[in-house]
N, C-alpha and C. Protein backbone atom coordinates (compact mmCIF):
# COMPACT_ATOMS: atom_id res chain seq x y z
N UNK A 1 -21.92 88.44 -182.96
CA UNK A 1 -21.05 86.57 -182.61
C UNK A 1 -22.33 86.30 -182.50
N UNK A 2 -22.52 84.62 -182.81
CA UNK A 2 -23.42 83.62 -183.31
C UNK A 2 -22.70 82.63 -181.93
N UNK A 3 -22.37 82.18 -180.95
CA UNK A 3 -21.55 81.57 -180.17
C UNK A 3 -22.50 80.32 -179.02
N UNK A 4 -21.88 79.19 -178.72
CA UNK A 4 -23.07 78.55 -178.68
C UNK A 4 -21.79 78.22 -177.19
N UNK A 5 -22.90 78.22 -176.76
CA UNK A 5 -22.91 77.55 -174.55
C UNK A 5 -22.81 76.42 -174.45
N UNK A 6 -21.89 75.51 -174.01
CA UNK A 6 -21.53 74.21 -173.65
C UNK A 6 -21.91 74.46 -171.73
N UNK A 7 -23.11 74.28 -171.38
CA UNK A 7 -23.10 73.71 -169.98
C UNK A 7 -22.85 72.77 -169.31
N UNK A 8 -22.23 72.74 -168.76
CA UNK A 8 -21.77 71.43 -167.67
C UNK A 8 -22.57 71.24 -166.28
N UNK A 9 -23.54 70.58 -166.23
CA UNK A 9 -23.94 70.82 -165.09
C UNK A 9 -23.63 69.38 -164.05
N UNK A 10 -23.66 69.93 -162.26
CA UNK A 10 -23.66 69.03 -161.21
C UNK A 10 -23.84 69.18 -160.18
N UNK A 11 -24.24 68.02 -159.86
CA UNK A 11 -25.95 68.23 -158.41
C UNK A 11 -24.78 68.04 -157.14
N UNK A 12 -25.05 68.19 -155.89
CA UNK A 12 -24.45 68.62 -154.93
C UNK A 12 -24.89 67.25 -154.08
N UNK A 13 -23.58 66.79 -153.77
CA UNK A 13 -24.15 65.75 -152.33
C UNK A 13 -24.60 66.20 -150.95
N UNK A 14 -25.60 65.10 -150.43
CA UNK A 14 -25.69 65.57 -149.05
C UNK A 14 -26.97 66.39 -148.93
N UNK A 15 -27.15 67.34 -148.21
CA UNK A 15 -28.52 67.56 -147.88
C UNK A 15 -28.47 68.78 -148.40
N UNK A 16 -27.77 69.41 -149.44
CA UNK A 16 -28.07 70.04 -150.52
C UNK A 16 -28.28 69.49 -152.00
N UNK A 17 -28.92 68.44 -152.11
CA UNK A 17 -28.98 67.36 -153.20
C UNK A 17 -29.45 68.40 -154.51
N UNK A 18 -31.01 69.10 -153.94
CA UNK A 18 -31.46 70.30 -155.13
C UNK A 18 -30.81 71.39 -155.61
N UNK A 19 -29.89 71.43 -154.96
CA UNK A 19 -29.17 72.78 -155.26
C UNK A 19 -27.99 72.00 -156.77
N UNK A 20 -28.87 72.92 -158.00
CA UNK A 20 -27.53 72.87 -159.24
C UNK A 20 -26.68 73.65 -159.35
N UNK A 21 -25.45 73.46 -159.56
CA UNK A 21 -24.65 74.57 -160.03
C UNK A 21 -24.62 74.44 -161.48
N UNK A 22 -24.43 75.22 -161.74
CA UNK A 22 -24.26 75.71 -163.59
C UNK A 22 -22.59 76.38 -163.63
N UNK A 23 -21.56 75.81 -164.89
CA UNK A 23 -20.84 76.72 -166.00
C UNK A 23 -21.25 76.63 -166.96
N UNK A 24 -20.71 78.06 -167.36
CA UNK A 24 -21.05 77.98 -169.27
C UNK A 24 -20.06 78.29 -168.90
N UNK A 25 -19.73 77.58 -170.85
CA UNK A 25 -18.46 78.48 -171.36
C UNK A 25 -18.58 79.17 -173.08
N UNK A 26 -18.53 80.05 -173.27
CA UNK A 26 -18.87 80.19 -174.33
C UNK A 26 -17.86 80.24 -175.64
N UNK A 27 -18.28 79.23 -176.79
CA UNK A 27 -16.66 79.31 -177.69
C UNK A 27 -16.89 79.79 -179.06
N UNK A 28 -15.46 80.40 -179.33
CA UNK A 28 -16.31 81.25 -180.74
C UNK A 28 -16.23 80.25 -181.45
N UNK A 29 -16.40 80.83 -182.85
CA UNK A 29 -17.40 80.23 -183.72
C UNK A 29 -16.08 79.34 -184.60
N UNK A 30 -14.97 79.62 -184.44
CA UNK A 30 -13.99 78.99 -184.90
C UNK A 30 -13.58 77.76 -184.32
N UNK A 31 -13.81 77.54 -183.29
CA UNK A 31 -14.11 76.31 -182.94
C UNK A 31 -14.42 75.42 -183.05
N UNK A 32 -16.50 76.28 -183.53
CA UNK A 32 -17.30 75.73 -183.40
C UNK A 32 -16.94 74.65 -184.94
N UNK A 33 -16.91 75.84 -185.40
CA UNK A 33 -16.07 75.05 -187.15
C UNK A 33 -15.56 73.93 -187.43
N UNK A 34 -14.68 74.06 -186.58
CA UNK A 34 -13.38 73.29 -186.81
C UNK A 34 -14.34 71.80 -186.14
N UNK A 35 -14.89 71.74 -185.32
CA UNK A 35 -15.21 70.90 -184.54
C UNK A 35 -16.36 70.27 -184.80
N UNK A 36 -17.29 70.58 -185.40
CA UNK A 36 -18.30 70.49 -186.41
C UNK A 36 -17.91 70.00 -188.18
N UNK A 37 -17.02 70.09 -188.45
CA UNK A 37 -16.59 70.01 -189.79
C UNK A 37 -15.10 70.01 -189.66
N UNK A 38 -14.57 69.57 -189.02
CA UNK A 38 -13.21 69.54 -188.97
C UNK A 38 -12.28 68.93 -190.30
N UNK A 39 -11.21 69.31 -190.45
CA UNK A 39 -10.21 68.84 -191.67
C UNK A 39 -9.21 68.11 -191.34
N UNK A 40 -9.04 67.55 -192.20
CA UNK A 40 -8.18 66.46 -192.69
C UNK A 40 -8.20 65.22 -191.82
N UNK A 41 -9.50 65.16 -191.49
CA UNK A 41 -9.16 63.50 -190.31
C UNK A 41 -8.99 62.34 -191.05
N UNK A 42 -8.13 61.67 -190.02
CA UNK A 42 -7.75 60.31 -191.19
C UNK A 42 -6.50 60.47 -190.45
N UNK A 43 -5.39 59.44 -191.52
CA UNK A 43 -4.70 58.58 -191.23
C UNK A 43 -3.89 58.33 -192.62
N UNK A 44 -2.65 59.02 -192.27
CA UNK A 44 -1.70 58.80 -193.32
C UNK A 44 -0.95 57.47 -192.80
N UNK A 45 -0.09 56.53 -193.98
CA UNK A 45 0.84 55.50 -193.92
C UNK A 45 1.64 55.77 -193.22
N UNK A 46 1.46 55.01 -192.04
CA UNK A 46 3.07 55.58 -191.05
C UNK A 46 4.43 55.28 -191.32
N UNK A 47 4.09 54.20 -192.35
CA UNK A 47 5.43 52.96 -192.22
C UNK A 47 6.08 53.66 -193.72
N UNK A 48 5.11 55.05 -194.34
CA UNK A 48 5.22 55.91 -195.62
C UNK A 48 6.82 56.84 -195.43
N UNK A 49 8.35 56.14 -195.50
CA UNK A 49 9.53 57.53 -195.24
C UNK A 49 9.22 58.61 -195.03
N UNK A 50 7.67 58.93 -196.25
CA UNK A 50 7.40 60.17 -196.04
C UNK A 50 6.81 60.80 -195.64
N UNK A 51 6.06 60.30 -194.68
CA UNK A 51 5.06 60.75 -193.38
C UNK A 51 5.99 60.52 -191.91
N UNK A 52 5.33 61.66 -191.27
CA UNK A 52 5.94 61.41 -190.04
C UNK A 52 4.41 62.17 -189.08
N UNK A 53 4.48 61.28 -188.06
CA UNK A 53 3.23 60.79 -187.10
C UNK A 53 4.00 60.95 -185.71
N UNK A 54 3.65 62.18 -185.27
CA UNK A 54 3.25 62.77 -183.76
C UNK A 54 2.35 61.92 -182.89
N UNK A 55 2.48 61.45 -182.24
CA UNK A 55 1.88 60.86 -180.86
C UNK A 55 1.86 61.71 -180.12
N UNK A 56 0.58 62.48 -178.98
CA UNK A 56 0.65 63.05 -177.50
C UNK A 56 -0.05 62.74 -176.81
N UNK A 57 -0.24 63.71 -175.94
CA UNK A 57 -1.23 63.01 -175.10
C UNK A 57 -1.33 64.22 -173.62
N UNK A 58 -3.08 64.49 -172.95
CA UNK A 58 -2.78 65.39 -171.83
C UNK A 58 -3.03 64.37 -171.26
N UNK A 59 -2.06 64.05 -170.07
CA UNK A 59 -2.86 63.06 -168.94
C UNK A 59 -3.93 63.14 -167.80
N UNK A 60 -3.59 65.11 -167.66
CA UNK A 60 -4.86 66.18 -166.47
C UNK A 60 -6.25 65.17 -167.44
N UNK A 61 -6.07 65.24 -168.58
CA UNK A 61 -7.74 65.84 -169.27
C UNK A 61 -8.31 64.51 -170.22
N UNK A 62 -6.89 63.59 -170.50
CA UNK A 62 -7.47 62.45 -170.70
C UNK A 62 -7.28 62.46 -172.41
N UNK A 63 -7.21 64.21 -173.25
CA UNK A 63 -6.77 64.07 -174.87
C UNK A 63 -5.74 63.09 -175.22
N UNK A 64 -5.83 62.72 -176.47
CA UNK A 64 -4.62 62.48 -177.19
C UNK A 64 -4.96 62.86 -178.56
N UNK A 65 -3.69 63.00 -179.27
CA UNK A 65 -4.22 63.36 -180.35
C UNK A 65 -2.96 62.74 -181.17
N UNK A 66 -3.13 62.57 -182.40
CA UNK A 66 -2.12 62.02 -183.87
C UNK A 66 -2.10 63.11 -184.53
N UNK A 67 -1.13 63.45 -185.06
CA UNK A 67 -1.36 64.52 -186.38
C UNK A 67 0.02 63.86 -187.07
N UNK A 68 -0.20 63.49 -187.85
CA UNK A 68 0.63 63.02 -189.39
C UNK A 68 0.57 64.18 -190.88
N UNK A 69 2.15 64.01 -191.23
CA UNK A 69 2.64 64.91 -192.39
C UNK A 69 2.68 64.14 -193.61
N UNK A 70 2.68 64.27 -194.76
CA UNK A 70 3.51 63.92 -195.93
C UNK A 70 4.10 64.94 -196.01
N UNK A 71 5.36 64.69 -196.49
CA UNK A 71 6.32 65.55 -197.24
C UNK A 71 6.59 64.97 -198.52
N UNK A 72 6.81 66.22 -199.55
CA UNK A 72 7.78 65.98 -200.99
C UNK A 72 9.27 65.66 -200.77
N UNK A 73 9.82 65.44 -201.98
CA UNK A 73 11.40 65.56 -202.16
C UNK A 73 11.84 66.43 -201.94
N UNK A 74 10.99 67.99 -201.53
CA UNK A 74 11.92 68.86 -201.14
C UNK A 74 11.54 69.09 -200.22
N UNK A 75 11.10 68.29 -199.46
CA UNK A 75 10.41 68.67 -197.60
C UNK A 75 9.26 69.49 -197.70
N UNK A 76 8.12 69.89 -198.27
CA UNK A 76 7.49 70.34 -198.12
C UNK A 76 6.39 69.35 -197.96
N UNK A 77 5.64 70.25 -196.64
CA UNK A 77 4.01 69.12 -196.58
C UNK A 77 3.36 69.45 -197.41
N UNK A 78 2.75 68.30 -198.34
CA UNK A 78 2.34 68.26 -199.14
C UNK A 78 0.96 67.82 -198.64
N UNK A 79 0.52 67.21 -197.33
CA UNK A 79 -0.60 66.57 -196.86
C UNK A 79 -0.04 66.23 -195.51
N UNK A 80 -2.12 66.49 -194.80
CA UNK A 80 -2.18 66.15 -192.75
C UNK A 80 -3.07 65.65 -192.81
N UNK A 81 -2.95 64.61 -191.57
CA UNK A 81 -4.15 64.02 -191.53
C UNK A 81 -4.06 64.21 -189.38
N UNK A 82 -5.68 63.90 -189.14
CA UNK A 82 -5.21 63.53 -187.98
C UNK A 82 -5.94 63.08 -186.77
N UNK A 83 -6.04 62.08 -185.89
CA UNK A 83 -7.22 61.43 -185.30
C UNK A 83 -6.91 61.91 -183.72
N UNK A 84 -7.78 62.77 -183.05
CA UNK A 84 -7.93 62.87 -181.42
C UNK A 84 -9.39 62.52 -181.10
N UNK A 85 -8.95 62.09 -179.73
CA UNK A 85 -9.50 61.97 -178.74
C UNK A 85 -9.26 63.07 -177.79
N UNK A 86 -10.54 63.65 -177.30
CA UNK A 86 -10.54 64.26 -177.06
C UNK A 86 -11.54 65.32 -176.86
N UNK A 87 -11.71 66.91 -176.32
CA UNK A 87 -12.84 67.60 -175.95
C UNK A 87 -12.86 69.00 -177.25
N UNK A 88 -13.86 69.63 -178.05
CA UNK A 88 -13.96 70.20 -178.70
C UNK A 88 -13.21 71.50 -179.08
N UNK A 89 -12.42 71.96 -178.12
CA UNK A 89 -11.06 72.88 -178.57
C UNK A 89 -10.02 71.91 -178.58
N UNK A 90 -9.58 70.88 -178.30
CA UNK A 90 -8.65 70.05 -178.80
C UNK A 90 -8.74 69.30 -180.36
N UNK A 91 -10.14 68.88 -180.44
CA UNK A 91 -10.25 68.77 -182.01
C UNK A 91 -10.34 70.52 -182.96
N UNK A 92 -10.69 71.07 -182.72
CA UNK A 92 -10.38 72.50 -183.34
C UNK A 92 -9.15 72.23 -183.60
N UNK A 93 -8.24 71.90 -182.02
CA UNK A 93 -6.87 72.27 -182.75
C UNK A 93 -6.26 71.51 -183.33
N UNK A 94 -6.50 70.82 -183.15
CA UNK A 94 -5.82 69.40 -184.43
C UNK A 94 -6.09 69.83 -185.58
N UNK A 95 -7.32 70.08 -186.25
CA UNK A 95 -7.35 70.29 -187.20
C UNK A 95 -7.39 71.74 -187.67
N UNK A 96 -7.01 73.00 -187.12
CA UNK A 96 -6.87 73.57 -187.22
C UNK A 96 -4.87 74.11 -187.59
N UNK A 97 -4.33 73.10 -186.28
CA UNK A 97 -3.02 72.75 -187.35
C UNK A 97 -2.55 71.93 -188.13
N UNK A 98 -3.70 70.74 -188.53
CA UNK A 98 -3.39 70.14 -190.28
C UNK A 98 -3.88 71.26 -191.23
N UNK A 99 -4.31 72.46 -191.32
CA UNK A 99 -4.68 73.42 -192.12
C UNK A 99 -3.12 74.25 -191.94
N UNK A 100 -2.33 75.04 -190.77
CA UNK A 100 -1.61 75.45 -190.87
C UNK A 100 -0.62 75.14 -191.71
N UNK A 101 -0.35 73.37 -191.50
CA UNK A 101 1.14 72.68 -191.57
C UNK A 101 1.58 72.56 -193.14
N UNK A 102 0.07 72.28 -194.10
CA UNK A 102 -0.13 72.40 -195.09
C UNK A 102 1.09 73.49 -196.26
N UNK A 103 1.99 73.10 -196.95
CA UNK A 103 2.56 74.11 -197.77
C UNK A 103 3.32 74.50 -196.80
N UNK A 104 4.05 74.51 -196.20
CA UNK A 104 5.22 74.57 -195.45
C UNK A 104 6.41 73.34 -195.33
N UNK A 105 7.37 73.98 -195.61
CA UNK A 105 8.47 73.11 -194.89
C UNK A 105 8.88 73.23 -193.97
N UNK A 106 9.32 71.83 -193.60
CA UNK A 106 8.89 70.91 -192.31
C UNK A 106 9.65 72.32 -191.43
N UNK A 107 10.65 72.53 -190.85
CA UNK A 107 11.20 73.53 -190.43
C UNK A 107 10.50 74.40 -189.91
N UNK A 108 9.78 75.06 -190.94
CA UNK A 108 8.76 76.01 -190.67
C UNK A 108 7.77 75.98 -190.41
N UNK A 109 7.57 74.53 -190.00
CA UNK A 109 5.91 73.49 -189.08
C UNK A 109 6.33 74.03 -187.66
N UNK A 110 7.55 73.47 -187.08
CA UNK A 110 7.74 73.45 -185.88
C UNK A 110 8.03 74.89 -185.36
N UNK A 111 7.54 76.05 -186.50
CA UNK A 111 7.29 77.55 -185.66
C UNK A 111 6.27 77.88 -185.34
N UNK A 112 4.92 76.78 -185.91
CA UNK A 112 3.74 77.25 -185.45
C UNK A 112 4.01 76.74 -183.61
N UNK A 113 3.08 78.39 -183.35
CA UNK A 113 3.08 78.29 -181.53
C UNK A 113 1.82 77.44 -181.36
N UNK A 114 1.80 77.23 -179.97
CA UNK A 114 0.58 77.20 -179.24
C UNK A 114 0.15 78.19 -179.16
N UNK A 115 0.29 79.54 -179.05
CA UNK A 115 -0.11 80.96 -178.70
C UNK A 115 -1.03 80.79 -179.20
N UNK A 116 -0.43 80.97 -181.23
CA UNK A 116 -0.93 81.13 -182.67
C UNK A 116 -2.13 80.78 -183.09
N UNK A 117 -1.92 79.16 -182.35
CA UNK A 117 -3.74 78.55 -182.54
C UNK A 117 -4.54 78.88 -180.93
N UNK A 118 -4.15 78.66 -180.02
CA UNK A 118 -5.03 79.61 -178.91
C UNK A 118 -5.60 81.39 -179.42
N UNK A 119 -4.61 81.72 -179.74
CA UNK A 119 -5.04 82.80 -180.44
C UNK A 119 -6.12 82.98 -181.32
N UNK A 120 -5.82 82.20 -182.13
CA UNK A 120 -6.67 82.07 -183.38
C UNK A 120 -7.94 81.82 -183.30
N UNK A 121 -8.34 80.35 -182.61
CA UNK A 121 -9.59 80.29 -182.11
C UNK A 121 -9.75 80.40 -180.77
N UNK A 122 -9.41 81.79 -180.52
CA UNK A 122 -9.70 82.36 -179.11
C UNK A 122 -9.97 81.58 -178.18
N UNK A 123 -9.27 80.87 -178.20
CA UNK A 123 -9.45 79.71 -176.49
C UNK A 123 -9.26 80.08 -175.44
N UNK A 124 -10.11 79.77 -174.52
CA UNK A 124 -10.59 80.44 -172.93
C UNK A 124 -9.17 79.74 -172.57
N UNK A 125 -8.34 80.55 -171.39
CA UNK A 125 -7.29 80.14 -170.79
C UNK A 125 -7.23 78.31 -170.19
N UNK A 126 -8.46 77.75 -169.49
CA UNK A 126 -7.85 76.54 -168.99
C UNK A 126 -7.83 75.49 -169.90
N UNK A 127 -8.36 75.89 -171.17
CA UNK A 127 -8.26 74.88 -172.46
C UNK A 127 -6.77 75.31 -173.21
N UNK A 128 -6.41 76.06 -172.94
CA UNK A 128 -4.89 76.20 -173.65
C UNK A 128 -3.72 75.19 -173.36
N UNK A 129 -4.30 74.03 -173.07
CA UNK A 129 -3.87 72.33 -173.27
C UNK A 129 -4.04 71.84 -174.67
N UNK A 130 -4.76 72.10 -174.68
CA UNK A 130 -5.15 71.86 -176.41
C UNK A 130 -4.28 72.11 -177.48
N UNK A 131 -4.47 73.86 -177.69
CA UNK A 131 -3.10 74.40 -178.35
C UNK A 131 -2.06 73.87 -177.87
N UNK A 132 -1.77 73.45 -176.93
CA UNK A 132 -0.14 73.47 -176.83
C UNK A 132 0.12 71.39 -177.13
N UNK A 133 -0.79 71.01 -176.78
CA UNK A 133 -0.44 69.25 -177.93
C UNK A 133 -0.69 69.70 -179.10
N UNK A 134 -1.46 70.42 -180.03
CA UNK A 134 -1.01 70.53 -181.05
C UNK A 134 0.24 70.87 -181.48
N UNK A 135 0.98 71.91 -181.01
CA UNK A 135 2.24 72.37 -181.18
C UNK A 135 2.87 71.29 -180.64
N UNK A 136 2.60 70.40 -180.20
CA UNK A 136 3.62 68.64 -179.27
C UNK A 136 3.54 67.59 -180.51
N UNK A 137 1.91 68.07 -180.80
CA UNK A 137 2.16 67.00 -181.89
C UNK A 137 3.01 67.23 -183.18
N UNK A 138 2.78 68.79 -183.78
CA UNK A 138 3.58 69.05 -184.81
C UNK A 138 5.12 68.70 -184.73
N UNK A 139 5.96 68.81 -183.46
CA UNK A 139 7.10 68.92 -183.77
C UNK A 139 7.96 67.28 -183.05
N UNK A 140 6.71 66.20 -182.64
CA UNK A 140 6.48 65.22 -182.60
C UNK A 140 6.58 63.80 -183.98
N UNK A 141 5.23 65.01 -184.76
CA UNK A 141 5.22 64.47 -186.16
C UNK A 141 7.26 64.66 -186.85
N UNK A 142 7.65 66.11 -187.23
CA UNK A 142 8.14 66.28 -187.93
C UNK A 142 9.99 65.25 -187.37
N UNK A 143 9.83 65.54 -186.35
CA UNK A 143 10.76 64.68 -185.37
C UNK A 143 10.74 63.08 -186.53
N UNK A 144 9.99 62.55 -185.99
CA UNK A 144 9.84 61.69 -186.33
C UNK A 144 9.65 60.62 -188.12
N UNK A 145 9.87 62.06 -188.42
CA UNK A 145 10.13 61.87 -190.02
C UNK A 145 11.69 62.11 -189.83
N UNK A 146 11.85 62.74 -189.23
CA UNK A 146 13.49 63.07 -189.90
C UNK A 146 14.04 62.03 -189.55
N UNK A 147 13.87 61.04 -188.21
CA UNK A 147 14.09 60.03 -187.71
C UNK A 147 14.26 58.99 -188.42
N UNK A 148 13.00 58.84 -189.24
CA UNK A 148 13.07 57.54 -190.91
C UNK A 148 13.45 58.17 -191.84
N UNK A 149 13.81 59.83 -192.78
CA UNK A 149 14.64 59.89 -193.01
C UNK A 149 16.18 59.42 -192.97
N UNK A 150 16.35 59.70 -191.29
CA UNK A 150 17.65 59.31 -191.96
C UNK A 150 18.23 57.43 -191.42
N UNK A 151 16.69 57.16 -191.55
CA UNK A 151 16.99 55.66 -191.69
C UNK A 151 17.33 55.10 -192.78
N UNK A 152 16.69 56.04 -193.50
CA UNK A 152 15.98 55.68 -194.84
C UNK A 152 17.44 55.71 -195.73
N UNK A 153 18.22 57.20 -194.98
CA UNK A 153 18.87 57.67 -196.19
C UNK A 153 20.34 56.98 -196.82
N UNK A 154 20.36 56.63 -198.26
CA UNK A 154 21.53 56.49 -198.36
C UNK A 154 23.06 56.53 -197.63
N UNK A 155 23.60 55.36 -197.34
CA UNK A 155 24.86 55.56 -196.92
C UNK A 155 25.96 56.21 -197.88
N UNK A 156 26.98 56.55 -197.70
CA UNK A 156 27.98 56.58 -198.56
C UNK A 156 29.70 55.76 -198.06
């Protein structure tokens, strides 16, 4: 399997300045593919009553994810988009999530779990927060959509 290793190199301070520590993490091909060729990057009109926007972040690492969905009159997700500021795993999780929500009913989309995303992308334990962000962003987008639709619903 073709894998790319991301190396993080740090130099020690003090008398051991010349010592170099190296940590290598291998990413699965799916992470690399979604990172290098992200699907559905962009934004939808947040003021559209049929668009829900989920904006979530992970203070520990600084990742921020915006995921948007557009639904038809039956509540089926017909379009999705994302913008993510974060690592390759966060971008891959966002990209995959936008693919998975398309064609689903909004209630069905909220059943997508971070564990499913992490399993599909073969994320290492240290990167599980990225898949959690994607799950949270989906739920936040659906919640925003439902709030908007309640606001725009005709009163009886």
